[in-house]
Amino acid sequence: RKKLKSTSKYIYQTLFLNGENSDIKICALGEEWNLHKIYLCQSGYFSSMFSGSWKESSMNVIELEIPDQNIDVEALQVAFGSLYRDDVLINPSRVVALLAAACMLQLDGLIQQCGETMKETITAQTVCGYYNSAGTYGLDSVKKKCLEWLLNNLMTHQSVGLFKELSINLMKQLISSSNLFVLQVEMDVYTALKKWMFLQLVPSWNGSFKQVLTEADAWFAERRREFGGDVAFLESAQGSAFVPVFAHLRLQYIISDLASARIVERDALLPSDWLSSVYKQQWFAMLRAEQDNDTGPQEINKEELEGNSMRCGRKLAKDGDYCWRWTGFNFGLDLLVTYTNRYIIFKRNTLNQPCSGSVSLQPRRSIAFRLRLASFDCSGKMICSRTTGYQILTLEKDQEQIVMNLDSRLLTFPLYICCNFLYTSPEKRADS
């Protein structure tokens, strides 16, 4: 036997598409829809229109003003059609236009469905558009999801298109966050910002992303020649808008590496007083570690950790045994990180292995840290994650400590490891 057409499909075809027994005509954007007041009243917009003393309540033809440029005929077609059917299939490429129409018509169910579609389809290509639309139409949960995606993927999904779309205010939020997944060290954040600023200033540039750094260096070098070498780029009229973003770089972890410090000095993007204050801060921190027996943080200071901790990360492409250290002067604590047999191990290297910098011989040294692990699918959506939370770890000479034991759910590669560290006592750092 032939299956009878469902009531929902019959209503959609007969009443909406064919317009049978229509008692009202809606006109907008040069199109007309023969609809039914009883169905339109599901919309808060039309319910108010028909139930009050508005002149439209007795009209058979209504001309809608569409003030939102995001709304087009196709979006209105889907929005009106949603009143006549149970399910709406939302194309991600059309979701912003449909959301705009749903908000104008006050269709709460469709607004919610648009929000869920957006959260499920965040990619490098959609994230900025979704973030901005979520702000415009009041979808806070979508905004939050987009921000999380960017914090997790900014350093691994860089592209010309994404960097052109990232606004100054949004980039400021990302760079200031302790939750930014940094790969590998803070210097890489500086390099990303240099590329981003170039693409913001020269939006017509359309080469490949591999060429951006070379082009950016050449462009900023030309600006240095124009300024005569006395003015940092951020002090210029062109650069002043970017000061709030660069101000959130954790420069103390950039100038502690010689090669990085030389690049920053050569670029002359940052005001000299920014750098001189950081050099002074780090010099006093080193003296305290060397001469005042600062053995490191003794308690969790969450505000200090979130605002001033060293951010660093590593990508493990496949399972195996790995051992590494993050570059920089860590006040005599040479920390080796090992991944082996599903364990993450920290080791204080003092005598067993060579180290490029000075090594403290104090009997015990402490660090404050937070270790996070995560794996993502190809679009950047998090598959699983785990964190130690903020902890204090005290190590004796050449002592090693297991800081995380991975369960099988986290063994999805590539695996991303991100750490926040404080090597010196926060209250003493604040005194300087």
Protein backbone atom coordinates (compact mmCIF):
# COMPACT_ATOMS: atom_id res chain seq x y z
CA ARG A 1 0.00 0.00 0.00
CA LYS A 2 1.11 3.54 -0.65
CA LYS A 3 2.03 5.39 2.52
CA LEU A 4 -0.36 8.23 3.26
CA LYS A 5 1.21 11.70 3.26
CA SER A 6 1.74 12.90 6.84
CA THR A 7 -0.44 15.70 8.18
CA SER A 8 2.57 17.98 8.56
CA LYS A 9 3.66 17.51 4.96
CA TYR A 10 0.08 17.98 3.74
CA ILE A 11 -0.29 21.23 5.68
CA TYR A 12 3.05 22.54 4.42
CA GLN A 13 2.29 21.69 0.79
CA THR A 14 -1.37 22.68 0.68
CA LEU A 15 -1.55 25.68 2.97
CA PHE A 16 1.94 27.18 2.76
CA LEU A 17 3.29 26.33 -0.69
CA ASN A 18 -0.08 26.37 -2.49
CA GLY A 19 -1.64 29.06 -0.28
CA GLU A 20 -5.10 27.45 -0.23
CA ASN A 21 -7.74 29.18 1.93
CA SER A 22 -5.33 32.04 2.65
CA ASP A 23 -6.80 34.92 4.65
CA ILE A 24 -3.82 37.29 4.55
CA LYS A 25 -1.14 38.29 2.07
CA ILE A 26 2.34 39.24 3.31
CA CYS A 27 4.52 41.35 1.01
CA ALA A 28 8.23 41.93 1.58
CA LEU A 29 11.36 42.45 -0.51
CA GLY A 30 9.34 42.31 -3.72
CA GLU A 31 7.78 38.91 -2.94
CA GLU A 32 4.30 37.84 -1.78
CA TRP A 33 3.15 35.02 0.51
CA ASN A 34 -0.46 33.86 0.79
CA LEU A 35 -0.62 32.80 4.44
CA HIS A 36 -3.01 32.24 7.34
CA LYS A 37 -3.42 34.38 10.44
CA ILE A 38 -3.93 31.37 12.69
CA TYR A 39 -0.47 30.08 11.75
CA LEU A 40 1.19 33.51 11.76
CA CYS A 41 0.08 33.99 15.37
CA GLN A 42 2.79 31.51 16.41
CA SER A 43 5.13 34.42 15.73
CA GLY A 44 5.39 36.97 18.52
CA TYR A 45 5.69 39.68 15.87
CA PHE A 46 2.40 38.83 14.17
CA SER A 47 0.63 37.83 17.39
CA SER A 48 1.12 41.35 18.74
CA MET A 49 0.14 42.85 15.40
CA PHE A 50 -3.15 40.97 15.15
CA SER A 51 -4.23 41.07 18.79
CA GLY A 52 -3.78 44.79 19.44
CA SER A 53 -5.40 47.91 18.09
CA TRP A 54 -2.95 48.15 15.20
CA LYS A 55 -4.44 48.96 11.83
CA GLU A 56 -2.83 45.78 10.42
CA SER A 57 -5.13 43.64 12.59
CA SER A 58 -7.98 44.20 10.12
CA MET A 59 -5.95 44.30 6.91
CA ASN A 60 -5.81 41.48 4.38
CA VAL A 61 -2.59 42.66 2.76
CA ILE A 62 0.42 43.66 4.88
CA GLU A 63 3.59 45.24 3.55
CA LEU A 64 6.52 44.36 5.82
CA GLU A 65 9.40 46.77 6.29
CA ILE A 66 12.66 44.82 6.50
CA PRO A 67 15.24 47.00 8.31
CA ASP A 68 17.86 44.24 8.67
CA GLN A 69 20.12 43.82 5.64
CA ASN A 70 20.90 40.25 6.68
CA ILE A 71 17.31 39.22 5.86
CA ASP A 72 16.58 38.14 2.29
CA VAL A 73 13.69 36.50 0.48
CA GLU A 74 15.03 32.99 0.96
CA ALA A 75 15.33 33.52 4.73
CA LEU A 76 11.74 34.79 4.93
CA GLN A 77 10.56 31.79 2.89
CA VAL A 78 12.11 29.37 5.39
CA ALA A 79 10.95 31.39 8.41
CA PHE A 80 7.34 31.57 7.22
CA GLY A 81 7.47 27.91 6.20
CA SER A 82 8.62 26.89 9.69
CA LEU A 83 5.18 27.89 10.98
CA TYR A 84 3.59 25.16 8.87
CA ARG A 85 5.90 22.22 9.58
CA ASP A 86 7.48 20.32 12.44
CA ASP A 87 11.10 20.26 11.29
CA VAL A 88 13.25 22.79 9.49
CA LEU A 89 16.49 21.76 7.81
CA ILE A 90 18.94 24.64 8.25
CA ASN A 91 21.79 25.06 5.79
CA PRO A 92 24.83 26.39 7.73
CA SER A 93 25.63 28.78 4.87
CA ARG A 94 22.18 30.34 5.35
CA VAL A 95 21.95 30.28 9.14
CA VAL A 96 22.82 33.95 9.77
CA ALA A 97 20.17 35.21 7.36
CA LEU A 98 17.61 32.81 8.84
CA LEU A 99 18.53 33.86 12.38
CA ALA A 100 17.98 37.50 11.42
CA ALA A 101 14.53 36.68 10.02
CA ALA A 102 13.63 34.55 13.04
CA CYS A 103 14.62 37.36 15.42
CA MET A 104 12.56 39.94 13.53
CA LEU A 105 9.53 37.64 13.53
CA GLN A 106 10.15 36.58 17.16
CA LEU A 107 10.20 32.86 16.39
CA ASP A 108 11.82 31.54 19.56
CA GLY A 109 12.00 27.91 18.48
CA LEU A 110 13.66 28.77 15.18
CA ILE A 111 16.09 31.14 16.94
CA GLN A 112 17.12 28.31 19.25
CA GLN A 113 17.55 25.91 16.33
CA CYS A 114 19.71 28.45 14.48
CA GLY A 115 21.87 28.79 17.59
CA GLU A 116 22.36 25.02 17.84
CA THR A 117 23.25 24.82 14.15
CA MET A 118 25.83 27.57 14.58
CA LYS A 119 27.44 25.88 17.59
CA GLU A 120 27.73 22.62 15.65
CA THR A 121 29.26 24.19 12.52
CA ILE A 122 31.96 26.53 13.90
CA THR A 123 35.05 26.47 11.68
CA ALA A 124 37.83 28.88 10.78
CA GLN A 125 35.62 30.13 7.95
CA THR A 126 32.47 30.70 10.05
CA VAL A 127 33.67 31.57 13.55
CA CYS A 128 33.99 35.36 13.17
CA GLY A 129 30.71 35.73 11.30
CA TYR A 130 28.94 33.61 13.90
CA TYR A 131 30.53 35.55 16.76
CA ASN A 132 29.43 38.90 15.35
CA SER A 133 25.92 37.66 14.53
CA ALA A 134 25.52 36.12 17.97
CA GLY A 135 26.36 39.50 19.47
CA THR A 136 23.89 41.27 17.21
CA TYR A 137 21.00 38.89 17.92
CA GLY A 138 21.69 38.16 21.58
CA LEU A 139 22.81 34.52 21.40
CA ASP A 140 25.26 34.56 24.31
CA SER A 141 25.80 30.80 24.27
CA VAL A 142 26.91 30.97 20.62
CA LYS A 143 29.27 33.87 21.39
CA LYS A 144 30.79 31.86 24.21
CA LYS A 145 31.22 28.80 21.97
CA CYS A 146 32.92 30.88 19.26
CA LEU A 147 35.27 32.41 21.80
CA GLU A 148 36.16 28.94 23.13
CA TRP A 149 36.85 27.75 19.57
CA LEU A 150 39.17 30.68 18.92
CA LEU A 151 41.03 30.21 22.22
CA ASN A 152 41.60 26.56 21.33
CA ASN A 153 42.43 27.00 17.64
CA LEU A 154 43.83 30.50 17.01
CA MET A 155 47.41 29.26 16.94
CA THR A 156 46.72 26.18 14.81
CA HIS A 157 44.08 27.39 12.30
CA GLN A 158 45.71 30.64 11.21
CA SER A 159 44.78 31.85 7.74
CA VAL A 160 44.67 35.08 5.75
CA GLY A 161 40.87 35.08 5.80
CA LEU A 162 40.59 34.49 9.55
CA PHE A 163 43.17 37.13 10.44
CA LYS A 164 41.42 39.71 8.28
CA GLU A 165 38.09 38.99 10.01
CA LEU A 166 39.36 39.09 13.61
CA SER A 167 38.49 42.49 15.05
CA ILE A 168 40.71 44.41 17.46
CA ASN A 169 38.27 43.89 20.35
CA LEU A 170 37.97 40.16 19.72
CA MET A 171 41.74 39.69 19.37
CA LYS A 172 42.22 41.59 22.63
CA GLN A 173 39.96 39.10 24.40
CA LEU A 174 41.93 36.17 23.00
CA ILE A 175 45.42 37.50 23.72
CA SER A 176 44.56 38.49 27.29
CA SER A 177 43.19 35.06 28.20
CA SER A 178 45.11 32.48 30.20
CA ASN A 179 43.06 29.86 28.32
CA LEU A 180 44.64 30.65 24.96
CA PHE A 181 46.15 27.42 23.60
CA VAL A 182 49.66 28.68 22.84
CA LEU A 183 51.93 26.75 20.48
CA GLN A 184 54.82 26.73 21.21
CA VAL A 185 55.74 29.78 23.34
CA GLU A 186 54.74 33.41 23.90
CA MET A 187 57.01 34.51 21.04
CA ASP A 188 54.68 32.64 18.68
CA VAL A 189 51.81 34.79 19.96
CA TYR A 190 53.84 37.91 19.15
CA THR A 191 54.56 36.59 15.64
CA ALA A 192 50.86 35.82 15.08
CA LEU A 193 49.93 39.35 16.18
CA LYS A 194 52.47 40.84 13.78
CA LYS A 195 50.88 38.93 10.88
CA TRP A 196 47.38 39.85 12.03
CA MET A 197 48.20 43.55 12.36
CA PHE A 198 49.72 43.60 8.87
CA LEU A 199 46.57 42.01 7.37
CA GLN A 200 44.35 44.45 9.27
CA LEU A 201 46.33 47.38 7.87
CA VAL A 202 46.70 45.97 4.34
CA PRO A 203 43.41 44.08 3.80
CA SER A 204 43.92 44.06 0.02
CA TRP A 205 46.89 41.69 0.38
CA ASN A 206 45.89 38.22 -0.90
CA GLY A 207 48.98 36.00 -0.96
CA SER A 208 49.34 32.64 0.77
CA PHE A 209 49.60 32.50 4.54
CA LYS A 210 53.18 31.17 4.30
CA GLN A 211 54.18 34.50 2.75
CA VAL A 212 52.54 36.72 5.36
CA LEU A 213 55.46 36.95 7.79
CA THR A 214 57.94 37.90 5.09
CA GLU A 215 55.56 40.50 3.69
CA ALA A 216 54.77 41.83 7.16
CA ASP A 217 58.45 42.19 8.06
CA ALA A 218 59.13 44.07 4.82
CA TRP A 219 56.11 46.34 5.30
CA PHE A 220 57.01 47.24 8.90
CA ALA A 221 60.67 47.75 7.91
CA GLU A 222 59.48 50.36 5.40
CA ARG A 223 57.51 52.09 8.16
CA ARG A 224 60.65 52.12 10.35
CA ARG A 225 62.56 53.90 7.60
CA GLU A 226 59.76 56.46 7.33
CA PHE A 227 59.79 57.11 11.08
CA GLY A 228 63.57 57.37 11.23
CA GLY A 229 63.99 54.76 13.94
CA ASP A 230 62.91 56.96 16.87
CA VAL A 231 59.22 56.02 16.99
CA ALA A 232 57.87 52.53 17.67
CA PHE A 233 55.12 51.47 15.26
CA LEU A 234 52.51 51.27 18.03
CA GLU A 235 53.29 54.91 18.85
CA SER A 236 52.42 55.98 15.30
CA ALA A 237 49.00 57.05 14.06
CA GLN A 238 48.60 53.77 12.16
CA GLY A 239 49.65 51.60 15.05
CA SER A 240 47.92 53.26 18.00
CA ALA A 241 44.66 51.34 17.49
CA PHE A 242 46.50 48.07 18.14
CA VAL A 243 48.02 49.10 21.49
CA PRO A 244 45.24 47.45 23.59
CA VAL A 245 45.98 44.09 21.93
CA PHE A 246 49.78 44.11 22.14
CA ALA A 247 49.57 45.38 25.72
CA HIS A 248 48.35 41.91 26.73
CA LEU A 249 51.44 40.11 25.43
CA ARG A 250 53.38 38.53 28.28
CA LEU A 251 56.64 40.14 27.28
CA GLN A 252 58.59 38.76 30.23
CA TYR A 253 58.54 35.36 28.54
CA ILE A 254 59.61 36.76 25.17
CA ILE A 255 62.62 38.82 26.23
CA SER A 256 63.95 35.90 28.30
CA ASP A 257 64.99 34.18 25.04
CA LEU A 258 67.91 35.83 23.23
CA ALA A 259 66.77 35.17 19.66
CA SER A 260 63.25 36.37 20.45
CA ALA A 261 64.48 39.50 22.23
CA ARG A 262 66.61 40.42 19.21
CA ILE A 263 63.63 40.07 16.84
CA VAL A 264 61.44 42.24 19.06
CA GLU A 265 64.15 44.92 19.25
CA ARG A 266 64.67 44.79 15.48
CA ASP A 267 60.97 45.04 14.67
CA ALA A 268 60.54 48.19 16.78
CA LEU A 269 56.80 47.60 16.99
CA LEU A 270 56.64 48.01 20.77
CA PRO A 271 57.31 51.25 22.68
CA SER A 272 60.76 51.22 24.27
CA ASP A 273 59.35 51.97 27.74
CA TRP A 274 57.30 48.77 27.57
CA LEU A 275 60.46 46.75 27.06
CA SER A 276 62.62 48.61 29.57
CA SER A 277 60.09 48.04 32.36
CA VAL A 278 59.97 44.31 31.54
CA TYR A 279 63.77 44.05 31.43
CA LYS A 280 63.87 45.64 34.89
CA GLN A 281 61.15 43.33 36.20
CA GLN A 282 62.95 40.23 34.98
CA TRP A 283 66.32 41.42 36.26
CA PHE A 284 64.96 41.84 39.79
CA ALA A 285 63.19 38.47 39.55
CA MET A 286 66.49 36.85 38.58
CA LEU A 287 68.33 38.54 41.46
CA ARG A 288 65.74 37.33 43.94
CA ALA A 289 65.98 33.78 42.62
CA GLU A 290 69.80 33.86 42.72
CA GLN A 291 70.50 35.91 45.87
CA ASP A 292 67.33 36.07 47.95
CA ASN A 293 66.52 32.35 47.82
CA ASP A 294 63.15 32.80 46.14
CA THR A 295 62.20 29.14 45.84
CA GLY A 296 59.05 29.83 43.82
CA PRO A 297 55.31 30.11 44.55
CA GLN A 298 54.15 28.61 47.82
CA GLU A 299 50.38 28.93 47.32
CA ILE A 300 47.88 29.25 44.50
CA ASN A 301 47.26 32.84 43.45
CA LYS A 302 44.68 32.38 40.69
CA GLU A 303 44.63 36.03 39.65
CA GLU A 304 48.41 36.07 39.26
CA LEU A 305 48.42 32.77 37.39
CA GLU A 306 45.72 33.84 34.97
CA GLY A 307 47.23 37.25 34.32
CA ASN A 308 50.98 36.62 34.35
CA SER A 309 51.74 32.93 33.88
CA MET A 310 53.99 31.65 31.13
CA ARG A 311 51.82 30.19 28.33
CA CYS A 312 53.32 27.41 26.25
CA GLY A 313 52.19 24.34 24.34
CA ARG A 314 53.15 21.35 22.26
CA LYS A 315 51.51 19.23 19.57
CA LEU A 316 52.12 15.48 19.64
CA ALA A 317 51.38 14.22 16.14
CA LYS A 318 51.24 10.54 17.12
CA ASP A 319 51.69 8.25 20.09
CA GLY A 320 55.24 7.58 21.22
CA ASP A 321 57.89 8.80 23.64
CA TYR A 322 58.65 12.53 23.78
CA CYS A 323 60.83 14.74 25.93
CA TRP A 324 61.19 18.51 25.59
CA ARG A 325 61.69 21.82 27.40
CA TRP A 326 60.12 25.18 26.61
CA THR A 327 62.77 27.78 25.81
CA GLY A 328 63.40 30.81 27.97
CA PHE A 329 65.13 31.73 31.21
CA ASN A 330 63.17 30.00 33.96
CA PHE A 331 65.12 31.40 36.92
CA GLY A 332 67.42 28.41 37.28
CA LEU A 333 64.70 25.77 37.06
CA ASP A 334 65.36 23.63 33.99
CA LEU A 335 62.07 21.80 33.61
CA LEU A 336 61.97 18.73 31.36
CA VAL A 337 58.57 17.49 30.20
CA THR A 338 58.16 13.86 29.18
CA TYR A 339 55.25 12.05 27.56
CA THR A 340 55.58 8.26 27.79
CA ASN A 341 53.26 5.31 28.40
CA ARG A 342 50.24 7.61 28.78
CA TYR A 343 51.95 9.67 31.49
CA ILE A 344 52.99 13.31 31.53
CA ILE A 345 56.05 13.74 33.75
CA PHE A 346 57.79 16.91 34.96
CA LYS A 347 61.46 16.64 35.92
CA ARG A 348 63.68 19.23 37.55
CA ASN A 349 66.95 18.83 35.69
CA THR A 350 69.91 19.89 37.84
CA LEU A 351 72.92 17.67 37.26
CA ASN A 352 71.93 14.75 35.04
CA GLN A 353 71.60 16.50 31.66
CA PRO A 354 73.23 19.58 30.14
CA CYS A 355 71.28 22.84 30.17
CA SER A 356 71.78 25.97 28.06
CA GLY A 357 71.24 28.33 31.02
CA SER A 358 72.18 28.57 34.66
CA VAL A 359 70.75 25.92 36.99
CA SER A 360 69.74 26.55 40.59
CA LEU A 361 71.28 24.23 43.18
CA GLN A 362 68.78 25.07 45.89
CA PRO A 363 67.58 21.87 47.57
CA ARG A 364 63.93 22.46 46.71
CA ARG A 365 62.20 24.58 44.09
CA SER A 366 58.48 25.12 43.53
CA ILE A 367 56.41 25.99 40.49
CA ALA A 368 52.75 26.85 40.08
CA PHE A 369 51.23 25.29 36.97
CA ARG A 370 48.14 24.18 35.13
CA LEU A 371 48.40 21.44 32.51
CA ARG A 372 45.69 20.97 29.87
CA LEU A 373 45.40 18.27 27.22
CA ALA A 374 42.94 18.20 24.34
CA SER A 375 42.28 16.60 20.99
CA PHE A 376 40.27 18.17 18.17
CA ASP A 377 38.66 17.05 14.94
CA CYS A 378 39.67 18.51 11.58
CA SER A 379 37.32 21.50 11.99
CA GLY A 380 38.76 22.41 15.38
CA LYS A 381 35.87 21.03 17.44
CA MET A 382 37.08 19.61 20.75
CA ILE A 383 36.75 15.84 20.98
CA CYS A 384 37.92 15.51 24.58
CA SER A 385 40.00 17.39 27.12
CA ARG A 386 41.47 17.14 30.58
CA THR A 387 43.13 19.54 33.01
CA THR A 388 45.06 19.30 36.26
CA GLY A 389 43.67 22.62 37.46
CA TYR A 390 46.11 25.00 39.14
CA GLN A 391 48.62 23.22 41.36
CA ILE A 392 51.87 23.82 43.26
CA LEU A 393 54.64 21.31 42.58
CA THR A 394 57.81 21.21 44.73
CA LEU A 395 60.78 19.32 43.31
CA GLU A 396 64.15 18.37 44.73
CA LYS A 397 67.28 18.19 42.57
CA ASP A 398 66.72 15.90 39.56
CA GLN A 399 63.38 14.76 40.98
CA GLU A 400 60.62 13.81 38.56
CA GLN A 401 56.88 13.75 39.19
CA ILE A 402 53.93 12.31 37.28
CA VAL A 403 51.47 15.17 36.82
CA MET A 404 48.88 13.45 34.63
CA ASN A 405 47.84 9.92 33.73
CA LEU A 406 45.93 9.83 30.44
CA ASP A 407 42.92 7.61 30.04
CA SER A 408 42.12 5.95 26.71
CA ARG A 409 39.55 8.62 25.76
CA LEU A 410 42.35 11.17 25.46
CA LEU A 411 44.54 9.04 23.25
CA THR A 412 43.24 10.64 20.06
CA PHE A 413 46.07 12.12 18.05
CA PRO A 414 47.21 14.69 17.33
CA LEU A 415 47.21 15.56 21.02
CA TYR A 416 47.67 19.15 22.16
CA ILE A 417 49.38 19.94 25.46
CA CYS A 418 49.14 23.42 26.94
CA CYS A 419 50.74 24.66 30.16
CA ASN A 420 50.66 27.76 32.34
CA PHE A 421 53.66 28.24 34.62
CA LEU A 422 54.85 30.60 37.35
CA TYR A 423 58.44 30.10 38.41
CA THR A 424 58.82 32.93 40.92
CA SER A 425 56.87 33.95 43.98
CA PRO A 426 53.92 36.14 42.89
CA GLU A 427 53.88 38.40 45.94
CA LYS A 428 57.56 39.17 45.51
CA ARG A 429 57.10 39.82 41.82
CA ALA A 430 54.35 42.30 42.68
CA ASP A 431 56.73 44.20 45.02
CA SER A 432 58.98 45.07 42.08
